[in-house]
């Protein structure tokens, strides 16, 4: 039994590639460990990628794609195929991570501004 690979025909030479819309949702921010955040990415509203992580390194945060462990180490399950789209994808994830970080102190300040009502004093 042979498997056939389904492909779409290449675009006509006159067609320009449509810009890719990369929507990122940061699910969880972490304050300790090497994983800084978990994210999911939606491409043009047509393809979703779960399991994207923002990782910490000595050179700063970087994007880690979903992967599995094989004999030769970890292998990405999905990945950008061009250098340009890789840059766009990673920048979109890192921008969403930075935006989520800026919202955390704001949320903490809102929580602190809502002080509990004073408790009545007990007199004897």
N, C-alpha and C. Protein backbone atom coordinates (compact mmCIF):
# COMPACT_ATOMS: atom_id res chain seq x y z
N UNK A 1 0.85 -1.17 0.00
CA UNK A 1 0.00 0.00 0.00
C UNK A 1 0.89 1.23 0.00
N UNK A 2 0.69 2.10 -0.94
CA UNK A 2 1.46 3.34 -1.00
C UNK A 2 0.60 4.50 -0.59
N UNK A 3 1.23 5.47 0.01
CA UNK A 3 0.49 6.67 0.43
C UNK A 3 0.75 7.77 -0.57
N UNK A 4 -0.29 8.45 -0.97
CA UNK A 4 -0.15 9.58 -1.87
C UNK A 4 -0.12 10.85 -1.05
N UNK A 5 0.67 11.77 -1.49
CA UNK A 5 0.79 13.04 -0.80
C UNK A 5 -0.14 14.04 -1.48
N UNK A 6 -1.01 14.65 -0.71
CA UNK A 6 -1.94 15.63 -1.26
C UNK A 6 -1.25 16.98 -1.32
N UNK A 7 -1.23 17.57 -2.47
CA UNK A 7 -0.63 18.90 -2.62
C UNK A 7 -1.58 19.78 -3.41
N UNK A 8 -1.44 21.06 -3.20
CA UNK A 8 -2.19 22.01 -4.00
C UNK A 8 -1.27 22.52 -5.08
N UNK A 9 -1.81 22.87 -6.21
CA UNK A 9 -0.94 23.35 -7.29
C UNK A 9 -0.26 24.65 -6.89
N UNK A 10 0.95 24.89 -7.37
CA UNK A 10 1.64 26.13 -7.03
C UNK A 10 0.88 27.33 -7.60
N UNK A 11 0.98 28.49 -6.93
CA UNK A 11 0.28 29.66 -7.44
C UNK A 11 0.84 30.09 -8.79
N UNK A 12 -0.01 30.71 -9.56
CA UNK A 12 0.45 31.22 -10.86
C UNK A 12 1.54 32.25 -10.63
N UNK A 13 2.50 32.36 -11.53
CA UNK A 13 3.62 33.29 -11.32
C UNK A 13 3.20 34.74 -11.12
N UNK A 14 2.06 35.16 -11.68
CA UNK A 14 1.62 36.54 -11.56
C UNK A 14 1.04 36.83 -10.18
N UNK A 15 0.58 35.80 -9.46
CA UNK A 15 -0.06 36.00 -8.17
C UNK A 15 0.96 36.36 -7.11
N UNK A 16 0.59 37.33 -6.28
CA UNK A 16 1.41 37.64 -5.12
C UNK A 16 0.91 36.82 -3.95
N UNK A 17 1.82 36.42 -3.08
CA UNK A 17 1.41 35.68 -1.89
C UNK A 17 0.62 36.62 -0.98
N UNK A 18 -0.47 36.12 -0.45
CA UNK A 18 -1.27 36.92 0.47
C UNK A 18 -0.53 37.08 1.78
N UNK A 19 -0.68 38.22 2.45
CA UNK A 19 -0.02 38.37 3.75
C UNK A 19 -0.65 37.40 4.76
N UNK A 20 0.19 36.86 5.60
CA UNK A 20 -0.26 35.90 6.60
C UNK A 20 -0.66 36.66 7.87
N UNK A 21 -1.89 36.44 8.35
CA UNK A 21 -2.33 37.02 9.61
C UNK A 21 -2.02 36.02 10.70
N UNK A 22 -1.23 36.44 11.68
CA UNK A 22 -0.81 35.58 12.77
C UNK A 22 -1.44 36.10 14.06
N UNK A 23 -2.44 35.38 14.57
CA UNK A 23 -3.10 35.76 15.82
C UNK A 23 -2.58 34.86 16.93
N UNK A 24 -2.10 35.48 18.01
CA UNK A 24 -1.49 34.73 19.11
C UNK A 24 -2.29 34.95 20.38
N UNK A 25 -2.52 33.86 21.11
CA UNK A 25 -3.16 33.95 22.42
C UNK A 25 -2.21 33.36 23.44
N UNK A 26 -1.85 34.16 24.43
CA UNK A 26 -1.01 33.70 25.52
C UNK A 26 -1.94 33.10 26.58
N UNK A 27 -1.72 31.83 26.91
CA UNK A 27 -2.60 31.15 27.87
C UNK A 27 -2.12 31.28 29.30
N UNK A 28 -0.83 31.19 29.51
CA UNK A 28 -0.32 31.19 30.88
C UNK A 28 1.05 31.85 30.92
N UNK A 29 1.22 32.73 31.86
CA UNK A 29 2.53 33.32 32.13
C UNK A 29 3.10 32.63 33.36
N UNK A 30 4.37 32.33 33.30
CA UNK A 30 5.01 31.66 34.44
C UNK A 30 6.13 32.53 34.96
N UNK A 31 6.33 32.49 36.25
CA UNK A 31 7.35 33.34 36.87
C UNK A 31 8.62 32.58 37.22
N UNK A 32 8.59 31.25 37.16
CA UNK A 32 9.81 30.51 37.46
C UNK A 32 9.98 29.38 36.46
N UNK A 33 11.21 28.93 36.27
CA UNK A 33 11.51 27.87 35.32
C UNK A 33 11.89 28.43 33.97
N UNK A 34 12.16 27.53 33.03
CA UNK A 34 12.59 27.96 31.70
C UNK A 34 11.43 28.29 30.77
N UNK A 35 10.23 27.75 31.05
CA UNK A 35 9.06 28.07 30.23
C UNK A 35 8.45 29.35 30.78
N UNK A 36 8.43 30.40 29.96
CA UNK A 36 7.89 31.69 30.38
C UNK A 36 6.39 31.80 30.12
N UNK A 37 5.92 31.16 29.02
CA UNK A 37 4.50 31.27 28.68
C UNK A 37 4.11 30.14 27.73
N UNK A 38 2.82 29.80 27.77
CA UNK A 38 2.22 28.87 26.82
C UNK A 38 1.34 29.68 25.89
N UNK A 39 1.33 29.30 24.61
CA UNK A 39 0.56 30.07 23.64
C UNK A 39 -0.06 29.15 22.59
N UNK A 40 -1.07 29.70 21.90
CA UNK A 40 -1.59 29.06 20.71
C UNK A 40 -1.61 30.12 19.62
N UNK A 41 -1.48 29.67 18.38
CA UNK A 41 -1.37 30.59 17.25
C UNK A 41 -2.37 30.17 16.20
N UNK A 42 -3.05 31.16 15.61
CA UNK A 42 -4.00 30.91 14.54
C UNK A 42 -3.49 31.63 13.30
N UNK A 43 -3.38 30.88 12.19
CA UNK A 43 -2.86 31.44 10.94
C UNK A 43 -4.01 31.71 9.98
N UNK A 44 -4.21 32.98 9.65
CA UNK A 44 -5.26 33.42 8.72
C UNK A 44 -6.65 32.89 9.08
N UNK A 45 -6.87 32.58 10.35
CA UNK A 45 -8.17 32.06 10.76
C UNK A 45 -8.45 30.68 10.20
N UNK A 46 -7.42 30.00 9.66
CA UNK A 46 -7.62 28.72 8.99
C UNK A 46 -6.86 27.56 9.62
N UNK A 47 -5.80 27.84 10.34
CA UNK A 47 -4.95 26.78 10.87
C UNK A 47 -4.50 27.16 12.26
N UNK A 48 -4.75 26.27 13.24
CA UNK A 48 -4.40 26.56 14.63
C UNK A 48 -3.22 25.70 15.06
N UNK A 49 -2.34 26.29 15.84
CA UNK A 49 -1.19 25.58 16.39
C UNK A 49 -1.24 25.74 17.90
N UNK A 50 -1.33 24.64 18.61
CA UNK A 50 -1.31 24.65 20.07
C UNK A 50 0.03 24.11 20.54
N UNK A 51 0.41 24.47 21.77
CA UNK A 51 1.64 23.94 22.32
C UNK A 51 2.87 24.77 22.02
N UNK A 52 2.67 26.00 21.55
CA UNK A 52 3.80 26.91 21.33
C UNK A 52 4.22 27.44 22.69
N UNK A 53 5.51 27.52 22.93
CA UNK A 53 6.00 28.00 24.23
C UNK A 53 6.98 29.14 24.02
N UNK A 54 6.97 30.08 24.97
CA UNK A 54 8.00 31.11 25.03
C UNK A 54 8.96 30.62 26.11
N UNK A 55 10.21 30.43 25.71
CA UNK A 55 11.22 29.87 26.60
C UNK A 55 12.23 30.94 26.98
N UNK A 56 12.88 30.74 28.13
CA UNK A 56 13.92 31.65 28.60
C UNK A 56 15.28 31.08 28.23
N UNK A 57 16.19 31.97 27.83
CA UNK A 57 17.56 31.56 27.55
C UNK A 57 18.49 32.69 27.95
N UNK A 58 19.77 32.44 27.89
CA UNK A 58 20.74 33.48 28.24
C UNK A 58 20.68 34.65 27.25
N UNK A 59 20.19 34.41 26.04
CA UNK A 59 20.05 35.47 25.03
C UNK A 59 18.69 36.13 25.05
N UNK A 60 17.84 35.78 26.01
CA UNK A 60 16.50 36.34 26.09
C UNK A 60 15.46 35.33 25.66
N UNK A 61 14.18 35.73 25.66
CA UNK A 61 13.12 34.79 25.34
C UNK A 61 13.17 34.36 23.87
N UNK A 62 12.76 33.11 23.61
CA UNK A 62 12.66 32.61 22.24
C UNK A 62 11.43 31.73 22.14
N UNK A 63 11.00 31.46 20.91
CA UNK A 63 9.79 30.69 20.65
C UNK A 63 10.17 29.23 20.39
N UNK A 64 9.47 28.33 21.08
CA UNK A 64 9.67 26.90 20.91
C UNK A 64 8.39 26.31 20.31
N UNK A 65 8.55 25.62 19.20
CA UNK A 65 7.40 25.02 18.52
C UNK A 65 7.03 23.70 19.20
N UNK A 66 5.79 23.22 18.99
CA UNK A 66 5.40 21.91 19.54
C UNK A 66 6.35 20.84 18.98
N UNK A 67 6.76 19.91 19.83
CA UNK A 67 7.74 18.92 19.39
C UNK A 67 7.50 17.58 20.08
N UNK A 68 8.21 16.57 19.59
CA UNK A 68 8.20 15.25 20.21
C UNK A 68 9.64 14.79 20.35
N UNK A 69 9.86 13.86 21.28
CA UNK A 69 11.21 13.37 21.50
C UNK A 69 11.43 12.12 20.66
N UNK A 70 12.43 12.18 19.81
CA UNK A 70 12.79 11.03 18.98
C UNK A 70 14.14 10.49 19.42
N UNK A 71 14.66 9.56 18.68
CA UNK A 71 15.97 8.97 19.00
C UNK A 71 17.09 10.00 18.96
N UNK A 72 16.97 10.94 18.05
CA UNK A 72 18.02 11.94 17.84
C UNK A 72 17.72 13.26 18.54
N UNK A 73 16.88 13.25 19.56
CA UNK A 73 16.54 14.48 20.26
C UNK A 73 15.13 14.92 19.90
N UNK A 74 14.85 16.16 20.17
CA UNK A 74 13.50 16.69 19.92
C UNK A 74 13.34 17.11 18.47
N UNK A 75 12.16 16.84 17.92
CA UNK A 75 11.82 17.19 16.54
C UNK A 75 10.56 18.04 16.56
N UNK A 76 10.58 19.16 15.84
CA UNK A 76 9.39 20.01 15.75
C UNK A 76 8.30 19.29 14.98
N UNK A 77 7.06 19.41 15.47
CA UNK A 77 5.91 18.82 14.80
C UNK A 77 5.51 19.68 13.61
N UNK A 78 5.53 20.98 13.81
CA UNK A 78 5.21 21.92 12.74
C UNK A 78 6.18 23.09 12.86
N UNK A 79 6.41 23.77 11.75
CA UNK A 79 7.40 24.84 11.76
C UNK A 79 7.23 25.71 10.52
N UNK A 80 7.67 26.97 10.59
CA UNK A 80 7.64 27.83 9.40
C UNK A 80 8.64 27.31 8.36
N UNK A 81 8.27 27.40 7.09
CA UNK A 81 9.11 26.86 6.02
C UNK A 81 10.07 27.88 5.41
N UNK A 82 9.81 29.16 5.64
CA UNK A 82 10.71 30.18 5.08
C UNK A 82 11.28 31.03 6.20
N UNK A 83 12.42 31.61 5.92
CA UNK A 83 13.08 32.48 6.90
C UNK A 83 12.20 33.68 7.22
N UNK A 84 11.56 34.25 6.20
CA UNK A 84 10.72 35.42 6.39
C UNK A 84 9.51 35.12 7.28
N UNK A 85 8.85 33.99 6.99
CA UNK A 85 7.68 33.67 7.81
C UNK A 85 8.10 33.24 9.22
N UNK A 86 9.25 32.60 9.35
CA UNK A 86 9.74 32.24 10.68
C UNK A 86 9.93 33.50 11.52
N UNK A 87 10.51 34.53 10.92
CA UNK A 87 10.71 35.80 11.63
C UNK A 87 9.37 36.42 12.01
N UNK A 88 8.40 36.42 11.06
CA UNK A 88 7.09 37.00 11.32
C UNK A 88 6.38 36.22 12.44
N UNK A 89 6.42 34.91 12.39
CA UNK A 89 5.77 34.05 13.37
C UNK A 89 6.35 34.28 14.76
N UNK A 90 7.68 34.20 14.86
CA UNK A 90 8.33 34.36 16.16
C UNK A 90 8.12 35.77 16.72
N UNK A 91 8.18 36.78 15.86
CA UNK A 91 7.97 38.15 16.33
C UNK A 91 6.55 38.34 16.84
N UNK A 92 5.56 37.74 16.16
CA UNK A 92 4.16 37.85 16.61
C UNK A 92 3.98 37.21 17.99
N UNK A 93 4.61 36.05 18.20
CA UNK A 93 4.49 35.36 19.50
C UNK A 93 5.19 36.18 20.58
N UNK A 94 6.40 36.66 20.30
CA UNK A 94 7.13 37.44 21.31
C UNK A 94 6.43 38.77 21.61
N UNK A 95 5.84 39.39 20.60
CA UNK A 95 5.08 40.64 20.82
C UNK A 95 3.88 40.37 21.73
N UNK A 96 3.16 39.27 21.49
CA UNK A 96 2.00 38.93 22.33
C UNK A 96 2.45 38.64 23.75
N UNK A 97 3.60 37.99 23.90
CA UNK A 97 4.15 37.71 25.23
C UNK A 97 4.48 39.01 25.95
N UNK A 98 5.14 39.94 25.27
CA UNK A 98 5.49 41.22 25.88
C UNK A 98 4.23 41.99 26.27
N UNK A 99 3.21 41.95 25.41
CA UNK A 99 1.96 42.63 25.72
C UNK A 99 1.30 42.01 26.95
N UNK A 100 1.32 40.69 27.04
CA UNK A 100 0.74 40.02 28.21
C UNK A 100 1.50 40.40 29.48
N UNK A 101 2.82 40.54 29.37
CA UNK A 101 3.62 40.94 30.54
C UNK A 101 3.24 42.34 31.01
N UNK A 102 2.98 43.25 30.08
CA UNK A 102 2.64 44.62 30.46
C UNK A 102 1.27 44.69 31.12
N UNK A 103 0.39 43.73 30.83
CA UNK A 103 -0.95 43.74 31.42
C UNK A 103 -0.96 43.15 32.82
N UNK A 104 0.03 42.34 33.17
CA UNK A 104 0.07 41.71 34.49
C UNK A 104 0.19 42.74 35.61
N UNK A 105 1.16 43.67 35.57
CA UNK A 105 1.23 44.66 36.65
C UNK A 105 -0.04 45.50 36.73
N UNK A 106 -0.64 45.81 35.58
CA UNK A 106 -1.87 46.59 35.56
C UNK A 106 -2.97 45.84 36.31
N UNK A 107 -3.09 44.54 36.06
CA UNK A 107 -4.11 43.74 36.74
C UNK A 107 -3.82 43.65 38.23
N UNK A 108 -2.55 43.53 38.59
CA UNK A 108 -2.20 43.45 40.01
C UNK A 108 -2.53 44.76 40.71
N UNK A 109 -2.27 45.89 40.05
CA UNK A 109 -2.57 47.19 40.64
C UNK A 109 -4.07 47.36 40.82
N UNK A 110 -4.85 46.89 39.83
CA UNK A 110 -6.30 46.98 39.96
C UNK A 110 -6.77 46.19 41.16
N UNK A 111 -6.20 45.00 41.36
CA UNK A 111 -6.57 44.16 42.49
C UNK A 111 -6.19 44.80 43.81
N UNK A 112 -5.06 45.51 43.86
CA UNK A 112 -4.61 46.14 45.09
C UNK A 112 -5.44 47.37 45.40
N UNK A 113 -5.96 48.05 44.38
CA UNK A 113 -6.72 49.27 44.63
C UNK A 113 -8.09 48.96 45.24
N UNK A 114 -8.53 47.72 45.07
CA UNK A 114 -9.81 47.33 45.65
C UNK A 114 -9.54 46.79 47.06
N UNK A 115 -9.45 47.72 48.00
CA UNK A 115 -9.15 47.32 49.36
C UNK A 115 -10.40 46.75 50.03
N UNK A 116 -10.18 45.88 50.96
CA UNK A 116 -11.30 45.31 51.71
C UNK A 116 -11.87 46.38 52.62
N UNK A 117 -13.17 46.36 52.84
CA UNK A 117 -13.74 47.38 53.74
C UNK A 117 -13.17 47.22 55.14
N UNK A 118 -13.04 48.31 55.87
CA UNK A 118 -12.46 48.22 57.23
C UNK A 118 -13.36 47.38 58.12
N UNK A 119 -12.72 46.61 58.96
CA UNK A 119 -13.49 45.79 59.89
C UNK A 119 -13.86 46.63 61.10
N UNK A 120 -15.06 46.44 61.65
CA UNK A 120 -15.47 47.24 62.82
C UNK A 120 -14.60 46.92 64.03
N UNK A 121 -14.32 47.92 64.81
CA UNK A 121 -13.52 47.71 66.00
C UNK A 121 -14.40 47.15 67.11
N UNK A 122 -13.82 46.27 67.88
CA UNK A 122 -14.54 45.70 69.02
C UNK A 122 -14.14 46.43 70.28
N UNK A 123 -15.10 46.92 71.00
CA UNK A 123 -14.82 47.64 72.25
C UNK A 123 -15.38 46.86 73.42
N UNK A 124 -14.69 46.90 74.49
CA UNK A 124 -15.19 46.23 75.68
C UNK A 124 -15.46 47.20 76.77
